[in-house]
Protein backbone atom coordinates (compact mmCIF):
# COMPACT_ATOMS: atom_id res chain seq x y z
CA MET A 1 43.90 -62.95 -15.29
CA ILE A 2 42.65 -61.20 -12.19
CA ARG A 3 46.06 -59.72 -11.45
CA SER A 4 46.06 -57.54 -14.54
CA HIS A 5 43.35 -55.16 -15.73
CA ARG A 6 44.40 -55.44 -19.37
CA TRP A 7 42.06 -57.50 -21.53
CA ARG A 8 43.83 -60.38 -23.25
CA THR A 9 42.87 -63.03 -25.74
CA ARG A 10 42.56 -65.65 -23.03
CA HIS A 11 39.86 -63.54 -21.38
CA THR A 12 37.86 -63.68 -24.61
CA VAL A 13 38.29 -67.46 -24.58
CA LEU A 14 37.05 -67.60 -20.99
CA SER A 15 34.03 -65.46 -21.91
CA VAL A 16 33.09 -67.94 -24.63
CA LEU A 17 33.54 -70.86 -22.20
CA PHE A 18 31.30 -69.03 -19.72
CA ILE A 19 28.52 -68.51 -22.27
CA THR A 20 28.82 -72.09 -23.50
CA ALA A 21 28.47 -73.42 -19.94
CA ILE A 22 25.35 -71.30 -19.36
CA ILE A 23 23.75 -72.69 -22.53
CA SER A 24 24.78 -76.22 -21.58
CA PHE A 25 23.27 -76.19 -18.09
CA MET A 26 20.18 -74.24 -19.09
CA ASP A 27 19.48 -76.77 -21.85
CA ARG A 28 19.58 -79.66 -19.41
CA MET A 29 17.66 -77.98 -16.57
CA VAL A 30 14.56 -76.75 -18.42
CA ILE A 31 13.03 -80.22 -18.21
CA SER A 32 12.75 -79.89 -14.42
CA ALA A 33 10.50 -76.87 -14.90
CA VAL A 34 8.33 -78.32 -17.68
CA ILE A 35 8.06 -81.94 -16.50
CA PRO A 36 4.56 -81.40 -14.99
CA PHE A 37 3.29 -80.25 -18.40
CA ILE A 38 5.05 -83.09 -20.22
CA ALA A 39 3.62 -85.64 -17.77
CA LYS A 40 0.10 -84.30 -18.27
CA ASP A 41 0.39 -84.21 -22.06
CA LEU A 42 1.96 -87.66 -22.46
CA GLU A 43 0.12 -89.17 -19.46
CA LEU A 44 3.30 -90.20 -17.64
CA THR A 45 3.41 -91.78 -14.21
CA ALA A 46 5.66 -90.39 -11.48
CA LEU A 47 8.14 -93.21 -12.09
CA GLU A 48 8.20 -92.54 -15.84
CA SER A 49 8.77 -88.83 -15.17
CA GLY A 50 11.70 -89.72 -12.90
CA VAL A 51 13.24 -92.00 -15.50
CA LEU A 52 12.83 -89.27 -18.11
CA MET A 53 14.76 -86.81 -15.95
CA SER A 54 17.51 -89.34 -15.16
CA VAL A 55 18.18 -90.75 -18.63
CA PHE A 56 20.12 -87.60 -19.59
CA PHE A 57 22.80 -88.49 -17.04
CA ALA A 58 23.21 -91.97 -18.49
CA GLY A 59 24.31 -90.53 -21.82
CA TYR A 60 26.17 -87.69 -20.14
CA ALA A 61 28.27 -90.03 -17.99
CA LEU A 62 29.07 -92.37 -20.89
CA SER A 63 30.57 -89.61 -23.05
CA GLN A 64 32.82 -88.00 -20.42
CA VAL A 65 35.91 -90.10 -21.16
CA PRO A 66 35.41 -90.31 -24.95
CA GLY A 67 34.89 -86.54 -24.91
CA GLY A 68 38.21 -86.04 -23.15
CA MET A 69 39.99 -88.38 -25.54
CA LEU A 70 38.51 -86.53 -28.53
CA ALA A 71 39.59 -83.17 -27.08
CA ASP A 72 43.15 -84.46 -26.53
CA ARG A 73 43.27 -85.94 -30.03
CA PHE A 74 41.45 -83.37 -32.18
CA GLY A 75 41.46 -80.23 -30.04
CA VAL A 76 38.77 -78.41 -28.09
CA ARG A 77 37.66 -76.20 -30.99
CA ARG A 78 36.27 -78.85 -33.32
CA VAL A 79 35.05 -81.15 -30.59
CA THR A 80 33.08 -78.50 -28.69
CA ALA A 81 31.57 -76.81 -31.75
CA LEU A 82 30.32 -80.11 -33.16
CA ALA A 83 29.09 -81.26 -29.74
CA MET A 84 27.05 -78.08 -29.32
CA VAL A 85 25.32 -78.55 -32.67
CA TRP A 86 24.64 -82.19 -31.73
CA TRP A 87 23.13 -81.52 -28.31
CA SER A 88 21.17 -78.47 -29.48
CA THR A 89 19.59 -80.61 -32.19
CA PHE A 90 18.47 -83.32 -29.79
CA ALA A 91 17.36 -80.78 -27.19
CA ALA A 92 15.06 -79.32 -29.84
CA LEU A 93 13.88 -82.78 -30.93
CA THR A 94 12.70 -83.36 -27.36
CA GLY A 95 9.92 -80.92 -28.15
CA ALA A 96 8.80 -83.03 -31.10
CA ALA A 97 8.31 -86.18 -29.00
CA THR A 98 4.88 -87.79 -29.13
CA SER A 99 5.73 -90.76 -26.92
CA LEU A 100 7.84 -91.58 -23.89
CA SER A 101 10.13 -93.88 -25.88
CA PHE A 102 10.90 -91.15 -28.45
CA MET A 103 11.65 -88.67 -25.67
CA LEU A 104 13.88 -91.12 -23.80
CA VAL A 105 15.99 -91.65 -26.91
CA ALA A 106 16.19 -87.90 -27.56
CA ARG A 107 17.19 -87.15 -23.96
CA PHE A 108 19.82 -89.91 -23.93
CA LEU A 109 21.38 -88.67 -27.18
CA PHE A 110 21.18 -85.09 -25.87
CA GLY A 111 23.16 -86.16 -22.80
CA LEU A 112 25.62 -88.10 -24.95
CA GLY A 113 26.44 -84.94 -26.90
CA GLU A 114 26.57 -82.57 -23.95
CA GLY A 115 28.80 -84.93 -21.99
CA VAL A 116 31.60 -84.24 -24.46
CA TYR A 117 31.88 -80.61 -23.36
CA PRO A 118 33.17 -80.65 -19.72
CA ALA A 119 36.51 -82.31 -20.47
CA SER A 120 37.04 -80.01 -23.47
CA ALA A 121 36.37 -77.00 -21.27
CA PHE A 122 38.80 -78.16 -18.58
CA LYS A 123 41.44 -78.72 -21.24
CA ALA A 124 40.82 -75.26 -22.72
CA VAL A 125 41.43 -73.67 -19.32
CA ALA A 126 44.60 -75.74 -18.85
CA VAL A 127 46.15 -74.71 -22.17
CA TRP A 128 44.98 -71.08 -22.24
CA PHE A 129 45.80 -69.97 -18.69
CA PRO A 130 49.00 -69.92 -16.63
CA ALA A 131 48.97 -72.26 -13.66
CA LYS A 132 48.61 -69.39 -11.16
CA GLU A 133 45.34 -68.30 -12.82
CA ARG A 134 43.73 -71.65 -13.65
CA ALA A 135 41.70 -72.10 -10.47
CA THR A 136 40.20 -68.63 -10.87
CA ALA A 137 39.54 -69.07 -14.59
CA ASN A 138 38.02 -72.48 -14.00
CA ALA A 139 35.84 -71.02 -11.23
CA VAL A 140 34.46 -68.42 -13.64
CA LYS A 141 33.58 -71.22 -16.06
CA LEU A 142 32.02 -73.33 -13.29
CA ALA A 143 30.01 -70.35 -12.01
CA ALA A 144 28.07 -70.39 -15.27
CA THR A 145 26.60 -73.78 -14.36
CA PRO A 146 24.41 -72.74 -11.42
CA LEU A 147 23.66 -69.48 -13.22
CA GLY A 148 22.26 -71.53 -16.10
CA GLY A 149 20.21 -73.49 -13.59
CA ALA A 150 18.82 -70.27 -12.14
CA LEU A 151 17.97 -68.88 -15.59
CA ALA A 152 16.25 -72.03 -16.87
CA PRO A 153 12.92 -71.45 -15.02
CA LEU A 154 12.89 -67.85 -16.25
CA LEU A 155 13.29 -69.05 -19.84
CA VAL A 156 10.45 -71.52 -19.36
CA VAL A 157 8.11 -68.86 -17.96
CA ALA A 158 8.98 -66.43 -20.77
CA VAL A 159 8.55 -68.92 -23.63
CA MET A 160 5.41 -70.57 -22.25
CA SER A 161 3.75 -67.17 -22.00
CA PHE A 162 3.26 -67.42 -25.78
CA GLY A 163 3.83 -71.12 -26.47
CA THR A 164 3.82 -74.61 -24.94
CA TRP A 165 6.39 -76.87 -23.32
CA ARG A 166 7.33 -78.00 -26.82
CA THR A 167 8.16 -74.41 -27.78
CA VAL A 168 10.62 -74.26 -24.88
CA PHE A 169 12.71 -77.06 -26.38
CA TYR A 170 12.49 -75.64 -29.91
CA ALA A 171 13.80 -72.33 -28.53
CA LEU A 172 17.00 -74.03 -27.36
CA PHE A 173 18.25 -74.84 -30.87
CA LEU A 174 19.22 -71.44 -32.30
CA PRO A 175 21.21 -70.12 -29.28
CA GLY A 176 23.20 -73.36 -29.22
CA VAL A 177 24.13 -73.11 -32.89
CA ILE A 178 25.06 -69.42 -32.57
CA VAL A 179 27.37 -70.12 -29.62
CA ALA A 180 28.89 -73.10 -31.48
CA ILE A 181 29.84 -70.75 -34.32
CA LEU A 182 31.20 -68.26 -31.79
CA PHE A 183 33.30 -71.01 -30.20
CA TRP A 184 34.66 -72.07 -33.60
CA LEU A 185 35.67 -68.52 -34.47
CA LEU A 186 37.18 -67.40 -31.17
CA VAL A 187 38.66 -70.45 -29.39
CA LYS A 188 41.79 -72.02 -30.85
CA ASP A 189 43.17 -75.36 -29.66
CA ASP A 190 46.33 -73.73 -28.32
CA PRO A 191 47.31 -70.08 -27.72
CA SER A 192 50.49 -70.56 -29.75
CA ARG A 193 48.29 -71.13 -32.82
CA SER A 194 46.24 -67.99 -32.38
CA PRO A 195 47.36 -64.90 -34.35
CA LYS A 196 45.64 -62.73 -31.74
CA VAL A 197 47.96 -63.88 -28.95
CA SER A 198 50.98 -61.62 -28.62
CA PRO A 199 54.42 -62.94 -27.68
CA GLU A 200 53.96 -61.14 -24.35
CA GLU A 201 50.72 -62.97 -23.57
CA LEU A 202 52.12 -66.31 -24.70
CA ALA A 203 55.02 -65.81 -22.29
CA GLU A 204 52.51 -65.07 -19.52
CA ILE A 205 50.59 -68.25 -20.26
CA THR A 206 53.60 -70.56 -20.39
CA GLY A 207 55.98 -68.71 -18.07
CA ASP A 208 54.96 -70.43 -14.85
CA GLU A 209 54.41 -73.88 -16.34
CA ARG A 210 56.01 -76.25 -13.87
CA PRO A 211 56.27 -80.03 -13.73
CA ALA A 212 53.06 -81.97 -13.29
CA VAL A 213 52.62 -84.54 -10.55
CA SER A 214 52.87 -87.66 -12.67
CA THR A 215 54.70 -90.95 -12.58
CA ALA A 216 52.79 -92.30 -15.55
CA GLY A 217 55.58 -91.55 -17.97
CA THR A 218 54.94 -90.48 -21.53
CA GLY A 219 51.98 -91.43 -23.65
CA VAL A 220 48.51 -90.31 -24.53
CA GLY A 221 45.01 -91.70 -24.38
CA LEU A 222 43.04 -93.71 -21.87
CA ALA A 223 45.84 -96.18 -21.05
CA ALA A 224 48.22 -93.38 -20.08
CA ALA A 225 45.48 -91.64 -18.09
CA LEU A 226 44.72 -94.78 -16.10
CA ARG A 227 48.41 -94.96 -15.09
CA GLU A 228 48.11 -91.60 -13.36
CA PRO A 229 48.59 -92.49 -9.66
CA GLY A 230 45.94 -90.07 -8.36
CA ILE A 231 43.15 -90.73 -10.84
CA LEU A 232 41.24 -93.26 -8.70
CA ARG A 233 41.40 -90.98 -5.66
CA TYR A 234 40.03 -88.03 -7.61
CA PHE A 235 37.33 -90.32 -9.00
CA LEU A 236 36.23 -91.47 -5.55
CA VAL A 237 36.34 -87.98 -4.01
CA LEU A 238 33.98 -86.57 -6.64
CA PHE A 239 31.74 -89.65 -6.70
CA THR A 240 31.08 -89.66 -2.96
CA PHE A 241 30.68 -85.89 -2.83
CA ASN A 242 28.16 -85.83 -5.66
CA ILE A 243 25.94 -88.39 -3.93
CA GLY A 244 25.27 -85.67 -1.38
CA ASN A 245 25.41 -82.78 -3.83
CA TRP A 246 22.87 -84.14 -6.32
CA GLY A 247 20.71 -85.58 -3.58
CA PHE A 248 20.31 -82.07 -2.22
CA THR A 249 19.98 -80.37 -5.61
CA GLY A 250 17.51 -82.87 -7.05
CA TRP A 251 15.28 -83.33 -4.01
CA LEU A 252 15.26 -79.88 -2.40
CA PRO A 253 12.04 -78.71 -4.16
CA THR A 254 10.22 -81.91 -3.14
CA TYR A 255 11.53 -81.63 0.42
CA LEU A 256 10.34 -78.03 0.74
CA VAL A 257 6.83 -78.88 -0.52
CA GLU A 258 6.23 -82.29 1.04
CA ALA A 259 8.19 -82.12 4.28
CA ARG A 260 8.06 -78.38 5.02
CA GLY A 261 4.68 -77.45 3.54
CA PHE A 262 5.88 -74.76 1.14
CA SER A 263 3.49 -73.55 -1.56
CA ALA A 264 4.55 -73.79 -5.21
CA VAL A 265 5.51 -70.10 -5.29
CA GLU A 266 7.41 -70.29 -2.00
CA MET A 267 9.23 -73.38 -3.22
CA GLY A 268 10.14 -71.75 -6.53
CA VAL A 269 11.70 -68.72 -4.87
CA SER A 270 13.41 -70.68 -2.10
CA ALA A 271 14.77 -73.41 -4.38
CA SER A 272 16.36 -70.83 -6.71
CA LEU A 273 18.39 -69.22 -3.93
CA PRO A 274 21.00 -72.03 -3.65
CA PHE A 275 21.68 -71.69 -7.39
CA PHE A 276 22.36 -67.97 -7.15
CA ALA A 277 24.47 -68.56 -4.03
CA ALA A 278 26.33 -71.30 -5.90
CA THR A 279 27.29 -68.86 -8.65
CA VAL A 280 28.96 -66.64 -6.06
CA GLY A 281 30.46 -69.70 -4.37
CA CYS A 282 32.17 -70.88 -7.53
CA LEU A 283 33.82 -67.52 -8.12
CA PHE A 284 34.84 -67.17 -4.49
CA GLY A 285 36.30 -70.69 -4.30
CA GLY A 286 38.51 -70.35 -7.36
CA TRP A 287 39.77 -66.93 -6.34
CA MET A 288 40.46 -68.11 -2.80
CA SER A 289 42.34 -71.21 -3.99
CA ASP A 290 44.60 -69.20 -6.29
CA ARG A 291 45.08 -66.28 -3.93
CA PHE A 292 45.69 -67.96 -0.59
CA PHE A 293 46.12 -71.72 -1.01
CA SER A 294 48.28 -72.36 -4.07
CA ASP A 295 50.75 -74.14 -1.76
CA ASN A 296 48.11 -76.44 -0.26
CA ARG A 297 44.87 -76.56 -2.22
CA ARG A 298 43.44 -79.32 -0.01
CA ILE A 299 42.71 -76.86 2.82
CA PRO A 300 39.79 -74.98 1.18
CA ILE A 301 38.38 -78.25 -0.20
CA ILE A 302 38.20 -79.85 3.23
CA ALA A 303 36.91 -76.69 4.93
CA THR A 304 34.06 -76.23 2.45
CA GLN A 305 33.06 -79.90 2.62
CA LEU A 306 32.76 -79.68 6.39
CA ALA A 307 30.74 -76.46 6.08
CA ALA A 308 28.43 -78.02 3.48
CA ALA A 309 27.81 -81.05 5.70
CA LEU A 310 27.07 -78.77 8.67
CA PHE A 311 24.55 -76.63 6.80
CA LEU A 312 22.89 -79.73 5.33
CA TYR A 313 22.30 -80.90 8.89
CA LEU A 314 21.04 -77.47 9.94
CA THR A 315 18.70 -77.40 6.94
CA PHE A 316 17.12 -80.63 8.13
CA THR A 317 16.86 -79.57 11.77
CA ALA A 318 15.82 -75.91 11.21
CA SER A 319 12.73 -75.07 13.23
CA SER A 320 11.75 -71.87 11.40
CA VAL A 321 11.27 -70.97 7.75
CA ILE A 322 13.85 -68.18 7.89
CA VAL A 323 16.55 -70.44 9.36
CA LEU A 324 15.66 -73.16 6.86
CA VAL A 325 15.98 -70.83 3.86
CA VAL A 326 19.25 -69.36 5.13
CA CYS A 327 20.76 -72.79 5.79
CA GLN A 328 19.73 -74.33 2.48
CA THR A 329 21.07 -71.27 0.65
CA LEU A 330 24.41 -71.56 2.48
CA THR A 331 24.44 -75.27 1.68
CA GLY A 332 24.25 -74.41 -2.02
CA PHE A 333 27.02 -71.85 -1.56
CA PHE A 334 29.47 -74.27 0.09
CA LEU A 335 28.65 -77.15 -2.23
CA SER A 336 29.63 -74.87 -5.09
CA VAL A 337 32.77 -73.57 -3.38
CA PHE A 338 33.86 -77.20 -3.23
CA SER A 339 33.48 -77.57 -6.99
CA SER A 340 35.88 -74.75 -7.86
CA THR A 341 38.39 -75.57 -5.12
CA PHE A 342 38.34 -79.29 -5.95
CA TRP A 343 38.93 -78.85 -9.68
CA ALA A 344 41.80 -76.48 -8.93
CA LEU A 345 43.86 -79.52 -7.95
CA PRO A 346 43.70 -81.75 -11.06
CA ILE A 347 43.96 -78.86 -13.53
CA THR A 348 47.15 -77.62 -11.84
CA THR A 349 48.80 -80.94 -10.92
CA MET A 350 48.10 -83.27 -13.85
CA PRO A 351 49.74 -83.32 -17.31
CA ARG A 352 48.26 -80.91 -19.84
CA SER A 353 48.73 -83.46 -22.62
CA LEU A 354 46.25 -85.76 -20.84
CA MET A 355 44.00 -83.05 -19.39
CA GLY A 356 41.01 -83.92 -21.56
CA VAL A 357 40.82 -87.63 -20.82
CA LEU A 358 41.83 -87.20 -17.15
CA THR A 359 39.15 -84.62 -16.39
CA GLY A 360 36.71 -86.72 -18.38
CA LEU A 361 37.44 -89.72 -16.15
CA ILE A 362 37.06 -87.67 -12.98
CA ASN A 363 33.89 -85.94 -14.13
CA MET A 364 32.39 -89.27 -15.15
CA ALA A 365 32.45 -90.20 -11.45
CA GLY A 366 30.37 -87.15 -10.63
CA GLN A 367 27.82 -87.95 -13.34
CA ILE A 368 27.44 -91.58 -12.24
CA ALA A 369 26.67 -90.23 -8.79
CA ALA A 370 24.26 -87.69 -10.31
CA PHE A 371 22.38 -90.58 -11.91
CA LEU A 372 22.33 -92.75 -8.78
CA SER A 373 21.77 -90.17 -6.06
CA PRO A 374 18.16 -89.13 -6.83
CA ILE A 375 17.20 -92.81 -7.06
CA LEU A 376 18.86 -93.62 -3.71
CA VAL A 377 17.24 -90.64 -2.00
CA GLY A 378 13.87 -91.53 -3.46
CA PHE A 379 14.20 -95.10 -2.24
CA LEU A 380 15.12 -93.99 1.28
CA VAL A 381 12.28 -91.46 1.47
CA GLY A 382 9.80 -94.04 0.21
CA ALA A 383 11.05 -96.71 2.60
CA ALA A 384 10.73 -94.24 5.50
CA GLY A 385 7.17 -93.37 4.61
CA GLY A 386 8.01 -89.86 3.42
CA ASP A 387 10.48 -89.00 6.17
CA PHE A 388 13.72 -87.42 4.92
CA GLY A 389 15.90 -88.31 7.92
CA THR A 390 17.74 -91.25 6.35
CA ALA A 391 18.09 -89.34 3.08
CA PHE A 392 19.83 -86.44 4.81
CA ALA A 393 22.02 -88.94 6.67
CA LEU A 394 23.08 -90.40 3.31
CA MET A 395 23.87 -86.96 1.88
CA ILE A 396 25.83 -85.80 4.92
CA GLY A 397 27.65 -89.11 5.30
CA SER A 398 28.72 -89.18 1.66
CA ILE A 399 30.15 -85.65 1.86
CA LEU A 400 32.09 -86.51 5.02
CA MET A 401 33.43 -89.66 3.35
CA SER A 402 34.57 -87.54 0.42
CA CYS A 403 36.23 -85.17 2.88
CA ALA A 404 38.24 -88.03 4.37
CA LEU A 405 39.38 -89.07 0.90
CA VAL A 406 40.65 -85.55 0.12
CA PHE A 407 43.48 -86.12 2.61
CA THR A 408 44.94 -88.64 0.12
CA LEU A 409 45.19 -86.05 -2.68
CA PRO A 410 48.37 -84.03 -3.37
CA ARG A 411 48.66 -80.61 -1.73
CA GLN A 412 50.08 -78.94 -4.83
CA ARG A 413 52.16 -79.69 -7.87
CA ASP A 414 55.53 -81.27 -7.23
CA ASP A 415 58.48 -79.37 -8.67
CA ASP A 416 60.64 -82.47 -8.40
CA ALA A 417 58.47 -84.44 -10.79
CA VAL A 418 59.58 -85.01 -14.33
CA ALA A 419 58.43 -82.10 -16.46
CA GLU A 420 56.32 -82.52 -19.55
CA PRO A 421 56.62 -80.27 -22.58
CA VAL A 422 54.78 -76.97 -22.28
CA HIS A 423 53.23 -77.43 -25.73
CA PRO A 424 52.14 -81.06 -26.08
């Protein structure tokens, strides 16, 4: 991809995946910006507001594995297009809620639909890109996630200038449907089935397909995926890492206001910087993994985890506003570099025929952590009377634990393993 300047069909596919990921993350993040208005309108307590923000991840985590199984069985095209229409509908219905119970159901079903997408996207990258380009292509897709998070507050400000918080959710429906149609038209389940893919490009995509690291034998579905020897290790690495990652992401605004005395405007500007830095970090991590570490992809993963833990500590101990802002921005950068370097391993070492369900299983770990982490951090801060010391210790400790677990992962794909067919 990066090594040739000629535009190919797979680059169009990646562009659609990028746009879809922006829509996905923006849809889920707008609630963080409008929750004060929702709480005032529906007279929610702080606890009820917290539950409302967390319930999305319950549905999101539950549909990770089914989403991967559906993508493996029916293909990414149908699964993603239908999922987008589903989640866009329930995102819009959030705006019609007149009670907490209605909104909780809408947010849960919204998460259930959106949770189908990640595994489909990972599978699309695996089947549309040669192994030497997958980390970079996946990084481009992942970079859309923090970019969507950075754009969400801007959307809220723009829409609420002429409407209400309800209008924000209504505005999410049409872009989702348009992109779903775009996905249906431009993304085929396999490049060999696309009339726009030339024999030359197909040879590029499949030419460096080497054996996957697998002793699970043949088979499809969840049972075959669970026989993959590395699946539990990947699961634990992402779970422990995301305890720290989502603790930082979810609680940074509160930390800046309550512990550091930032005003609302100062917090808004400062809290957006890690998202923009994360966009750059995703792109850098994938490029670096493909360019310099294809023979040992564990090295950049471990290095960025250690850097993230260091800057988390420096964020907590910073004595000046400038140092604090720099350190929390670099924390966001390295947390995101981890994401693209980490995912480079499973999408280049595991069987393509199981890519959907395998990545769904791994990503489910991250979403369970995303659900639990804000609750754990909140409990620790409350128990400490508002002090964030134990919370930062939890975040740093969980990232270091994840770092230790990375040493158990494979360095690269094993050419001595039994090969699977290039076109499952």
